[in-house]
Amino acid sequence: MISKFLSKLKSILFKSAVTPETPLKKEKKAAKPAKTKTKTKTKTKTKTKVVNSKKNVETLTTLPGVGAKSAKALYEAGFKTTKAVIAADEKDLLAVSGVGINLVKKLKKLK
């Protein structure tokens, strides 16, 4: 109950403080594939992307205090590597849902 309250408070406080420079998931517009036998290639590409994202999320769990849920939240927020998480600003990390001040303190000790 307290964690829900703190997460709502954090979202309210830092909603206006988040700048457009925060690393967010960038969407790329995919070019329309040619209407040939590329459908099988696209399926394998998406499977490898899913496998790579799972590996990256698992890599983020090696950080102290980062579990599966917070690693997934960090990955979806644009922090793809452990170096990116460690180098990130405190405000950017706090803007991610599932990341609290205690986790940020643990991560800042790694610098």
Protein backbone atom coordinates (compact mmCIF):
# COMPACT_ATOMS: atom_id res chain seq x y z
CA MET A 1 0.00 0.00 0.00
CA ILE A 2 2.83 2.36 0.83
CA SER A 3 4.65 1.43 -2.35
CA LYS A 4 1.55 2.30 -4.41
CA PHE A 5 1.33 5.64 -2.65
CA LEU A 6 5.02 6.36 -3.23
CA SER A 7 4.83 5.40 -6.89
CA LYS A 8 1.83 7.69 -7.42
CA LEU A 9 3.59 10.48 -5.56
CA LYS A 10 6.74 9.94 -7.64
CA SER A 11 4.74 10.03 -10.87
CA ILE A 12 3.02 13.24 -9.82
CA LEU A 13 6.21 14.96 -8.68
CA PHE A 14 8.40 13.99 -11.59
CA LYS A 15 5.84 14.22 -14.38
CA SER A 16 6.65 17.87 -15.03
CA ALA A 17 10.36 17.44 -14.27
CA VAL A 18 10.94 14.91 -17.06
CA THR A 19 12.66 16.56 -19.97
CA PRO A 20 12.50 15.46 -23.59
CA GLU A 21 16.14 14.40 -23.25
CA THR A 22 15.16 11.36 -21.20
CA PRO A 23 15.93 8.10 -22.94
CA LEU A 24 12.66 6.76 -24.19
CA LYS A 25 11.92 3.84 -26.39
CA LYS A 26 12.43 5.12 -29.90
CA GLU A 27 9.99 3.88 -32.47
CA LYS A 28 11.35 3.28 -35.91
CA LYS A 29 9.07 3.27 -38.88
CA ALA A 30 9.60 0.01 -40.65
CA ALA A 31 9.67 0.10 -44.40
CA LYS A 32 6.96 -1.92 -46.05
CA PRO A 33 8.40 -5.31 -46.97
CA ALA A 34 8.32 -6.38 -50.57
CA LYS A 35 5.50 -8.77 -51.36
CA THR A 36 7.71 -11.75 -51.97
CA LYS A 37 8.93 -14.59 -49.80
CA THR A 38 10.21 -12.22 -47.09
CA LYS A 39 7.51 -13.28 -44.65
CA THR A 40 9.65 -16.12 -43.34
CA LYS A 41 12.59 -13.75 -42.95
CA THR A 42 10.48 -11.30 -40.97
CA LYS A 43 9.36 -14.03 -38.62
CA THR A 44 12.93 -15.04 -37.85
CA LYS A 45 13.95 -11.41 -37.38
CA THR A 46 11.20 -10.79 -34.86
CA LYS A 47 12.11 -13.98 -33.02
CA THR A 48 15.73 -12.86 -32.74
CA LYS A 49 14.62 -9.43 -31.56
CA VAL A 50 12.55 -11.06 -28.82
CA VAL A 51 15.47 -13.29 -27.84
CA ASN A 52 17.87 -10.31 -27.81
CA SER A 53 15.51 -8.24 -25.68
CA LYS A 54 15.16 -11.11 -23.21
CA LYS A 55 18.95 -11.39 -23.00
CA ASN A 56 19.26 -7.65 -22.44
CA VAL A 57 16.62 -7.72 -19.69
CA GLU A 58 18.43 -10.65 -18.05
CA THR A 59 21.67 -8.66 -18.23
CA LEU A 60 20.03 -5.77 -16.40
CA THR A 61 19.11 -8.11 -13.55
CA THR A 62 22.82 -8.46 -12.76
CA LEU A 63 22.73 -4.97 -11.28
CA PRO A 64 22.32 -4.92 -7.48
CA GLY A 65 18.71 -4.44 -6.45
CA VAL A 66 17.32 -4.89 -9.95
CA GLY A 67 14.85 -7.73 -10.30
CA ALA A 68 12.96 -9.03 -13.29
CA LYS A 69 10.16 -6.46 -13.13
CA SER A 70 12.38 -3.42 -12.67
CA ALA A 71 14.78 -4.70 -15.36
CA LYS A 72 11.90 -5.00 -17.82
CA ALA A 73 10.68 -1.51 -16.89
CA LEU A 74 14.17 -0.07 -17.36
CA TYR A 75 14.54 -1.82 -20.72
CA GLU A 76 11.19 -0.53 -21.94
CA ALA A 77 12.12 2.98 -20.80
CA GLY A 78 15.15 2.95 -23.09
CA PHE A 79 17.95 1.75 -20.82
CA LYS A 80 19.25 -1.16 -22.88
CA THR A 81 22.57 -1.82 -21.14
CA THR A 82 23.92 -1.82 -17.61
CA LYS A 83 26.26 1.04 -18.53
CA ALA A 84 23.29 3.13 -19.63
CA VAL A 85 21.54 2.52 -16.31
CA ILE A 86 24.63 3.36 -14.27
CA ALA A 87 25.35 6.52 -16.28
CA ALA A 88 21.75 7.74 -16.18
CA ASP A 89 20.63 10.75 -14.18
CA GLU A 90 18.70 10.12 -10.96
CA LYS A 91 15.61 11.93 -12.24
CA ASP A 92 15.55 9.79 -15.37
CA LEU A 93 15.73 6.61 -13.32
CA LEU A 94 13.04 7.76 -10.90
CA ALA A 95 10.75 8.50 -13.84
CA VAL A 96 10.66 4.77 -14.60
CA SER A 97 7.79 3.01 -12.87
CA GLY A 98 9.04 0.32 -10.53
CA VAL A 99 12.27 2.15 -9.71
CA GLY A 100 12.48 3.75 -6.30
CA ILE A 101 14.91 5.96 -4.48
CA ASN A 102 16.60 3.03 -2.73
CA LEU A 103 17.36 1.35 -6.04
CA VAL A 104 18.73 4.61 -7.43
CA LYS A 105 21.01 4.94 -4.41
CA LYS A 106 22.34 1.39 -4.94
CA LEU A 107 22.97 2.10 -8.61
CA LYS A 108 24.74 5.40 -7.92
CA LYS A 109 27.18 3.59 -5.62
CA LEU A 110 28.42 1.71 -8.68
CA LYS A 111 29.78 4.86 -10.36
